[in-house]
Amino acid sequence: MAAADEKLISTEEAAQLKGDIEAIRKDIKQLFTDLTKLTKNEADYAGRKATELKGAAVDAAKERRDEVEDYVKEHPLGALAAAAGVGFVLALLVGR
């Protein structure tokens, strides 16, 4: 029974372990807080970048639309023939 009465660790070692565990808990909490802030900042950046890209895409689409409108005004028969050709090809593809 003498072996059962012995302490596995001393009171001093137990206090040190308790302090180490508390420090680890604080570190984990701080890391989680930092990660949350970082993730929010990255999400904000991604949102701003997506808005910028959307604006650029809309501007490019408007420019292309204007170019097509100008082409159609300058070459109405060519535009009509191109549209008829595309319609014919699509009709063949859908009909199969």
N, C-alpha and C. Protein backbone atom coordinates (compact mmCIF):
# COMPACT_ATOMS: atom_id res chain seq x y z
N MET A 1 0.80 -1.20 0.00
CA MET A 1 0.00 0.00 0.00
C MET A 1 0.85 1.27 0.00
N ALA A 2 2.07 1.16 0.26
CA ALA A 2 2.94 2.33 0.31
C ALA A 2 3.02 2.99 -1.06
N ALA A 3 3.00 2.19 -2.15
CA ALA A 3 3.07 2.75 -3.49
C ALA A 3 1.81 3.54 -3.80
N ALA A 4 0.66 3.10 -3.31
CA ALA A 4 -0.60 3.79 -3.56
C ALA A 4 -0.68 5.11 -2.83
N ASP A 5 0.03 5.22 -1.73
CA ASP A 5 0.00 6.45 -0.95
C ASP A 5 0.89 7.54 -1.54
N GLU A 6 1.82 7.16 -2.42
CA GLU A 6 2.73 8.14 -3.00
C GLU A 6 1.97 9.02 -4.00
N LYS A 7 2.34 10.29 -4.05
CA LYS A 7 1.74 11.20 -5.02
C LYS A 7 2.46 11.04 -6.34
N LEU A 8 1.69 11.10 -7.43
CA LEU A 8 2.29 11.00 -8.75
C LEU A 8 3.08 12.25 -9.10
N ILE A 9 2.55 13.42 -8.71
CA ILE A 9 3.27 14.68 -8.92
C ILE A 9 3.17 15.49 -7.64
N SER A 10 4.11 16.37 -7.48
CA SER A 10 4.10 17.19 -6.27
C SER A 10 3.07 18.31 -6.41
N THR A 11 2.75 18.92 -5.31
CA THR A 11 1.81 20.04 -5.29
C THR A 11 2.36 21.20 -6.12
N GLU A 12 3.67 21.36 -6.04
CA GLU A 12 4.33 22.43 -6.80
C GLU A 12 4.21 22.16 -8.31
N GLU A 13 4.41 20.90 -8.71
CA GLU A 13 4.29 20.54 -10.12
C GLU A 13 2.85 20.68 -10.60
N ALA A 14 1.91 20.33 -9.74
CA ALA A 14 0.50 20.46 -10.10
C ALA A 14 0.13 21.93 -10.31
N ALA A 15 0.64 22.80 -9.46
CA ALA A 15 0.37 24.23 -9.59
C ALA A 15 0.98 24.76 -10.89
N GLN A 16 2.18 24.28 -11.22
CA GLN A 16 2.84 24.70 -12.46
C GLN A 16 2.02 24.24 -13.67
N LEU A 17 1.54 22.99 -13.64
CA LEU A 17 0.72 22.47 -14.74
C LEU A 17 -0.57 23.26 -14.88
N LYS A 18 -1.18 23.58 -13.74
CA LYS A 18 -2.41 24.37 -13.78
C LYS A 18 -2.15 25.73 -14.41
N GLY A 19 -1.04 26.37 -14.07
CA GLY A 19 -0.68 27.65 -14.67
C GLY A 19 -0.42 27.53 -16.16
N ASP A 20 0.27 26.45 -16.55
CA ASP A 20 0.55 26.22 -17.97
C ASP A 20 -0.75 26.02 -18.76
N ILE A 21 -1.67 25.26 -18.19
CA ILE A 21 -2.96 25.01 -18.86
C ILE A 21 -3.73 26.31 -19.02
N GLU A 22 -3.71 27.14 -18.00
CA GLU A 22 -4.42 28.42 -18.07
C GLU A 22 -3.79 29.32 -19.13
N ALA A 23 -2.46 29.32 -19.23
CA ALA A 23 -1.77 30.12 -20.24
C ALA A 23 -2.13 29.62 -21.64
N ILE A 24 -2.21 28.31 -21.81
CA ILE A 24 -2.58 27.73 -23.11
C ILE A 24 -4.01 28.13 -23.46
N ARG A 25 -4.90 28.10 -22.49
CA ARG A 25 -6.29 28.52 -22.73
C ARG A 25 -6.35 29.97 -23.20
N LYS A 26 -5.59 30.85 -22.54
CA LYS A 26 -5.57 32.25 -22.93
C LYS A 26 -5.02 32.42 -24.34
N ASP A 27 -3.94 31.68 -24.64
CA ASP A 27 -3.34 31.75 -25.99
C ASP A 27 -4.33 31.31 -27.06
N ILE A 28 -5.04 30.22 -26.78
CA ILE A 28 -6.03 29.71 -27.75
C ILE A 28 -7.14 30.74 -27.95
N LYS A 29 -7.59 31.33 -26.85
CA LYS A 29 -8.65 32.34 -26.95
C LYS A 29 -8.18 33.53 -27.79
N GLN A 30 -6.93 33.98 -27.56
CA GLN A 30 -6.38 35.10 -28.32
C GLN A 30 -6.22 34.73 -29.80
N LEU A 31 -5.75 33.52 -30.08
CA LEU A 31 -5.62 33.07 -31.46
C LEU A 31 -6.97 33.03 -32.16
N PHE A 32 -7.98 32.55 -31.46
CA PHE A 32 -9.33 32.51 -32.03
C PHE A 32 -9.82 33.92 -32.34
N THR A 33 -9.59 34.85 -31.42
CA THR A 33 -9.99 36.24 -31.63
C THR A 33 -9.26 36.84 -32.83
N ASP A 34 -7.95 36.59 -32.90
CA ASP A 34 -7.16 37.10 -34.04
C ASP A 34 -7.63 36.49 -35.35
N LEU A 35 -7.91 35.20 -35.34
CA LEU A 35 -8.37 34.52 -36.55
C LEU A 35 -9.72 35.07 -37.00
N THR A 36 -10.60 35.33 -36.06
CA THR A 36 -11.91 35.89 -36.39
C THR A 36 -11.75 37.26 -37.05
N LYS A 37 -10.87 38.09 -36.49
CA LYS A 37 -10.63 39.42 -37.08
C LYS A 37 -10.03 39.29 -38.47
N LEU A 38 -9.06 38.39 -38.61
CA LEU A 38 -8.41 38.19 -39.90
C LEU A 38 -9.41 37.71 -40.94
N THR A 39 -10.25 36.76 -40.56
CA THR A 39 -11.26 36.23 -41.48
C THR A 39 -12.23 37.33 -41.89
N LYS A 40 -12.64 38.17 -40.94
CA LYS A 40 -13.55 39.27 -41.25
C LYS A 40 -12.88 40.26 -42.21
N ASN A 41 -11.61 40.57 -41.97
CA ASN A 41 -10.88 41.49 -42.86
C ASN A 41 -10.77 40.90 -44.26
N GLU A 42 -10.48 39.60 -44.35
CA GLU A 42 -10.37 38.96 -45.66
C GLU A 42 -11.72 38.95 -46.37
N ALA A 43 -12.79 38.71 -45.62
CA ALA A 43 -14.13 38.71 -46.22
C ALA A 43 -14.48 40.11 -46.72
N ASP A 44 -14.14 41.13 -45.94
CA ASP A 44 -14.39 42.51 -46.37
C ASP A 44 -13.62 42.83 -47.64
N TYR A 45 -12.34 42.41 -47.68
CA TYR A 45 -11.51 42.65 -48.86
C TYR A 45 -12.09 41.93 -50.08
N ALA A 46 -12.49 40.67 -49.89
CA ALA A 46 -13.06 39.91 -51.00
C ALA A 46 -14.35 40.56 -51.50
N GLY A 47 -15.16 41.08 -50.59
CA GLY A 47 -16.39 41.76 -50.99
C GLY A 47 -16.11 43.02 -51.79
N ARG A 48 -15.13 43.79 -51.33
CA ARG A 48 -14.77 45.01 -52.08
C ARG A 48 -14.22 44.66 -53.45
N LYS A 49 -13.37 43.63 -53.51
CA LYS A 49 -12.78 43.23 -54.78
C LYS A 49 -13.86 42.72 -55.73
N ALA A 50 -14.82 41.95 -55.21
CA ALA A 50 -15.91 41.44 -56.05
C ALA A 50 -16.75 42.60 -56.60
N THR A 51 -16.99 43.60 -55.79
CA THR A 51 -17.74 44.77 -56.24
C THR A 51 -16.99 45.50 -57.35
N GLU A 52 -15.66 45.64 -57.17
CA GLU A 52 -14.85 46.29 -58.20
C GLU A 52 -14.90 45.49 -59.51
N LEU A 53 -14.75 44.18 -59.41
CA LEU A 53 -14.76 43.33 -60.60
C LEU A 53 -16.12 43.35 -61.29
N LYS A 54 -17.17 43.38 -60.48
CA LYS A 54 -18.52 43.45 -61.05
C LYS A 54 -18.68 44.76 -61.82
N GLY A 55 -18.23 45.85 -61.25
CA GLY A 55 -18.31 47.14 -61.93
C GLY A 55 -17.53 47.15 -63.23
N ALA A 56 -16.34 46.54 -63.20
CA ALA A 56 -15.53 46.48 -64.42
C ALA A 56 -16.22 45.62 -65.48
N ALA A 57 -16.83 44.51 -65.06
CA ALA A 57 -17.53 43.64 -66.01
C ALA A 57 -18.74 44.34 -66.62
N VAL A 58 -19.47 45.08 -65.80
CA VAL A 58 -20.64 45.82 -66.30
C VAL A 58 -20.19 46.89 -67.29
N ASP A 59 -19.12 47.59 -66.97
CA ASP A 59 -18.60 48.61 -67.88
C ASP A 59 -18.17 48.00 -69.21
N ALA A 60 -17.47 46.86 -69.14
CA ALA A 60 -17.01 46.19 -70.36
C ALA A 60 -18.20 45.72 -71.19
N ALA A 61 -19.23 45.20 -70.52
CA ALA A 61 -20.42 44.73 -71.24
C ALA A 61 -21.13 45.90 -71.93
N LYS A 62 -21.20 47.04 -71.25
CA LYS A 62 -21.82 48.22 -71.85
C LYS A 62 -21.04 48.70 -73.07
N GLU A 63 -19.70 48.66 -72.96
CA GLU A 63 -18.88 49.06 -74.11
C GLU A 63 -19.12 48.13 -75.30
N ARG A 64 -19.16 46.82 -75.03
CA ARG A 64 -19.40 45.85 -76.11
C ARG A 64 -20.78 46.05 -76.72
N ARG A 65 -21.77 46.31 -75.87
CA ARG A 65 -23.13 46.56 -76.37
C ARG A 65 -23.15 47.76 -77.30
N ASP A 66 -22.46 48.83 -76.87
CA ASP A 66 -22.39 50.03 -77.70
C ASP A 66 -21.70 49.75 -79.03
N GLU A 67 -20.63 48.93 -78.98
CA GLU A 67 -19.93 48.57 -80.21
C GLU A 67 -20.83 47.77 -81.15
N VAL A 68 -21.60 46.84 -80.59
CA VAL A 68 -22.52 46.04 -81.40
C VAL A 68 -23.61 46.92 -81.99
N GLU A 69 -24.14 47.83 -81.19
CA GLU A 69 -25.17 48.73 -81.70
C GLU A 69 -24.63 49.58 -82.84
N ASP A 70 -23.41 50.08 -82.68
CA ASP A 70 -22.80 50.88 -83.75
C ASP A 70 -22.60 50.04 -85.01
N TYR A 71 -22.14 48.80 -84.83
CA TYR A 71 -21.92 47.93 -85.98
C TYR A 71 -23.23 47.66 -86.71
N VAL A 72 -24.29 47.39 -85.93
CA VAL A 72 -25.60 47.10 -86.53
C VAL A 72 -26.12 48.32 -87.29
N LYS A 73 -25.89 49.51 -86.74
CA LYS A 73 -26.34 50.73 -87.42
C LYS A 73 -25.56 50.95 -88.72
N GLU A 74 -24.27 50.62 -88.68
CA GLU A 74 -23.44 50.82 -89.87
C GLU A 74 -23.62 49.72 -90.91
N HIS A 75 -23.92 48.51 -90.47
CA HIS A 75 -24.03 47.35 -91.37
C HIS A 75 -25.32 46.57 -91.06
N PRO A 76 -26.47 47.13 -91.34
CA PRO A 76 -27.72 46.44 -90.95
C PRO A 76 -27.91 45.11 -91.67
N LEU A 77 -27.57 45.02 -92.93
CA LEU A 77 -27.77 43.76 -93.65
C LEU A 77 -26.80 42.68 -93.17
N GLY A 78 -25.56 43.07 -92.89
CA GLY A 78 -24.59 42.10 -92.37
C GLY A 78 -25.01 41.57 -91.00
N ALA A 79 -25.52 42.47 -90.17
CA ALA A 79 -25.97 42.07 -88.84
C ALA A 79 -27.17 41.13 -88.95
N LEU A 80 -28.08 41.45 -89.87
CA LEU A 80 -29.26 40.61 -90.08
C LEU A 80 -28.84 39.23 -90.58
N ALA A 81 -27.89 39.19 -91.51
CA ALA A 81 -27.41 37.92 -92.04
C ALA A 81 -26.71 37.11 -90.94
N ALA A 82 -25.91 37.76 -90.10
CA ALA A 82 -25.24 37.06 -89.01
C ALA A 82 -26.25 36.50 -88.02
N ALA A 83 -27.26 37.28 -87.69
CA ALA A 83 -28.30 36.82 -86.76
C ALA A 83 -29.07 35.65 -87.35
N ALA A 84 -29.38 35.71 -88.63
CA ALA A 84 -30.10 34.61 -89.28
C ALA A 84 -29.23 33.36 -89.29
N GLY A 85 -27.94 33.52 -89.54
CA GLY A 85 -27.03 32.37 -89.54
C GLY A 85 -26.94 31.71 -88.18
N VAL A 86 -26.80 32.52 -87.16
CA VAL A 86 -26.74 31.98 -85.79
C VAL A 86 -28.05 31.30 -85.44
N GLY A 87 -29.17 31.90 -85.81
CA GLY A 87 -30.48 31.28 -85.55
C GLY A 87 -30.62 29.95 -86.26
N PHE A 88 -30.15 29.88 -87.50
CA PHE A 88 -30.22 28.63 -88.27
C PHE A 88 -29.39 27.53 -87.61
N VAL A 89 -28.19 27.86 -87.21
CA VAL A 89 -27.31 26.87 -86.55
C VAL A 89 -27.93 26.41 -85.23
N LEU A 90 -28.46 27.32 -84.48
CA LEU A 90 -29.11 26.94 -83.21
C LEU A 90 -30.32 26.06 -83.45
N ALA A 91 -31.09 26.38 -84.48
CA ALA A 91 -32.27 25.56 -84.82
C ALA A 91 -31.84 24.14 -85.20
N LEU A 92 -30.75 24.01 -85.93
CA LEU A 92 -30.24 22.68 -86.28
C LEU A 92 -29.81 21.90 -85.04
N LEU A 93 -29.13 22.58 -84.14
CA LEU A 93 -28.65 21.92 -82.91
C LEU A 93 -29.80 21.52 -82.00
N VAL A 94 -30.78 22.38 -81.86
CA VAL A 94 -31.92 22.09 -80.98
C VAL A 94 -32.83 21.03 -81.62
N GLY A 95 -32.90 21.04 -82.91
CA GLY A 95 -33.79 20.09 -83.60
C GLY A 95 -33.32 18.65 -83.51
N ARG A 96 -32.08 18.43 -83.21
CA ARG A 96 -31.56 17.06 -83.16
C ARG A 96 -31.88 16.44 -81.89
